[in-house]
Amino acid sequence: MIFSVVALAVIGLGNSNISIGDGKTPRPQTTVEYPIRFGDAPMARAPQPRPTVSYPIRWER
């Protein structure tokens, strides 16, 4: 049964008609510039991390 499943997969994948192309297809080019800026918008600062607990956690046990 395993042999028949493998054979069926080989036959199914071997008969696919996917064309590779002629190699002259142009590749997509990016049109975006990084970093993205929005005109006169002020630069936003990243929020500072805050502790998630209000009690000290002992690391040494």
C-alpha atoms as a PDB file:
ATOM      1  CA  MET A   1       0.000   0.000   0.000  1.00  0.00           C
ATOM      2  CA  ILE A   2       2.841   2.404   0.829  1.00  0.00           C
ATOM      3  CA  PHE A   3       4.495   1.584  -2.481  1.00  0.00           C
ATOM      4  CA  SER A   4       1.294   2.385  -4.381  1.00  0.00           C
ATOM      5  CA  VAL A   5       0.923   5.747  -2.623  1.00  0.00           C
ATOM      6  CA  VAL A   6       4.522   6.679  -3.455  1.00  0.00           C
ATOM      7  CA  ALA A   7       4.065   5.557  -7.065  1.00  0.00           C
ATOM      8  CA  LEU A   8       0.868   7.567  -7.376  1.00  0.00           C
ATOM      9  CA  ALA A   9       2.622  10.654  -6.000  1.00  0.00           C
ATOM     10  CA  VAL A  10       5.528  10.266  -8.436  1.00  0.00           C
ATOM     11  CA  ILE A  11       3.178   9.862 -11.379  1.00  0.00           C
ATOM     12  CA  GLY A  12       1.045  12.808 -10.284  1.00  0.00           C
ATOM     13  CA  LEU A  13       3.989  15.133  -9.730  1.00  0.00           C
ATOM     14  CA  GLY A  14       5.854  13.954 -12.818  1.00  0.00           C
ATOM     15  CA  ASN A  15       3.032  14.852 -15.200  1.00  0.00           C
ATOM     16  CA  SER A  16       2.544  18.462 -14.137  1.00  0.00           C
ATOM     17  CA  ASN A  17       2.688  20.937 -16.996  1.00  0.00           C
ATOM     18  CA  ILE A  18       4.356  23.892 -15.320  1.00  0.00           C
ATOM     19  CA  SER A  19       6.257  26.028 -17.781  1.00  0.00           C
ATOM     20  CA  ILE A  20       9.607  27.435 -16.686  1.00  0.00           C
ATOM     21  CA  GLY A  21       9.456  30.380 -19.076  1.00  0.00           C
ATOM     22  CA  ASP A  22      12.025  31.796 -21.434  1.00  0.00           C
ATOM     23  CA  GLY A  23      14.006  33.680 -18.775  1.00  0.00           C
ATOM     24  CA  LYS A  24      13.169  37.096 -20.237  1.00  0.00           C
ATOM     25  CA  THR A  25      10.338  37.866 -17.826  1.00  0.00           C
ATOM     26  CA  PRO A  26      11.114  41.118 -15.990  1.00  0.00           C
ATOM     27  CA  ARG A  27      11.464  40.878 -12.208  1.00  0.00           C
ATOM     28  CA  PRO A  28       9.268  43.138 -10.066  1.00  0.00           C
ATOM     29  CA  GLN A  29      11.029  46.251  -8.814  1.00  0.00           C
ATOM     30  CA  THR A  30      10.328  47.944  -5.504  1.00  0.00           C
ATOM     31  CA  THR A  31       9.026  51.515  -5.599  1.00  0.00           C
ATOM     32  CA  VAL A  32       9.115  52.281  -1.901  1.00  0.00           C
ATOM     33  CA  GLU A  33      11.791  54.245  -0.023  1.00  0.00           C
ATOM     34  CA  TYR A  34      12.675  53.371   3.552  1.00  0.00           C
ATOM     35  CA  PRO A  35      12.315  54.785   6.161  1.00  0.00           C
ATOM     36  CA  ILE A  36       8.802  55.883   5.343  1.00  0.00           C
ATOM     37  CA  ARG A  37       8.148  59.508   6.291  1.00  0.00           C
ATOM     38  CA  PHE A  38       4.815  61.341   6.268  1.00  0.00           C
ATOM     39  CA  GLY A  39       5.533  64.934   5.305  1.00  0.00           C
ATOM     40  CA  ASP A  40       5.587  67.295   8.306  1.00  0.00           C
ATOM     41  CA  ALA A  41       4.462  64.711  10.868  1.00  0.00           C
ATOM     42  CA  PRO A  42       6.475  64.818  14.094  1.00  0.00           C
ATOM     43  CA  MET A  43       8.788  61.890  14.782  1.00  0.00           C
ATOM     44  CA  ALA A  44       7.112  59.557  17.283  1.00  0.00           C
ATOM     45  CA  ARG A  45       9.319  58.181  20.030  1.00  0.00           C
ATOM     46  CA  ALA A  46       9.169  54.529  20.978  1.00  0.00           C
ATOM     47  CA  PRO A  47       7.394  53.946  24.307  1.00  0.00           C
ATOM     48  CA  GLN A  48       9.634  53.060  27.240  1.00  0.00           C
ATOM     49  CA  PRO A  49       9.180  49.585  28.715  1.00  0.00           C
ATOM     50  CA  ARG A  50       7.350  49.369  32.029  1.00  0.00           C
ATOM     51  CA  PRO A  51       7.582  46.598  34.583  1.00  0.00           C
ATOM     52  CA  THR A  52       4.694  44.160  34.593  1.00  0.00           C
ATOM     53  CA  VAL A  53       4.870  43.481  38.340  1.00  0.00           C
ATOM     54  CA  SER A  54       5.205  45.872  41.258  1.00  0.00           C
ATOM     55  CA  TYR A  55       7.187  43.596  43.577  1.00  0.00           C
ATOM     56  CA  PRO A  56      10.833  42.527  43.309  1.00  0.00           C
ATOM     57  CA  ILE A  57      11.533  39.109  41.859  1.00  0.00           C
ATOM     58  CA  ARG A  58      14.315  37.117  43.531  1.00  0.00           C
ATOM     59  CA  TRP A  59      16.507  35.413  40.953  1.00  0.00           C
ATOM     60  CA  GLU A  60      18.745  33.465  43.335  1.00  0.00           C
ATOM     61  CA  ARG A  61      17.051  30.567  45.054  1.00  0.00           C
END
